[in-house]
Amino acid sequence: MSALQQWQPLRLDVPGLLATTESFIDSGSLLAWPSVCPNLNVVRIPGEHRELFEPKSLAILTPPFVKAVAAAQNASLDVPSVPRRTSAEPTV
C-alpha cells in the first residue's frame, strides 16, 4: 500500500482558504475538505488552473486571502501544537 493511501489527515480547526478554479470544482475533489478543515472558505475563480494567478483572478482572490491571513494570525494564538511523527517512528 502506498504512503498516500495510508495517510490519515488530522482535523484542523483554524480558518483556511482554498482557491479553486471552475475545472477543479467539477472534479468533485472538494467534497473531502470540510471534514479536514471545517472553517474552510472556498474561493471559486472562473477559468482554468493555469489562470489562477492572472490579474483578473487575483482581483477575486486577494480580498479573501488578506482576510484569511488576518483570521489565521488571530487564531494562531489558540491552536494547540500538533505532535509530529519522527522518521524513526513506525506508521500504523
Foldseek 3Di string as FASTA:
>chain_A
DDPVVLDDAAADAFAEEAEDEPVVVVVPPCPPVCVRYVNYDYQYFYDDPVCCPPPVNCVRVVVVVVVRVVRRVVCVVVGDDDDDDDPPDDRD
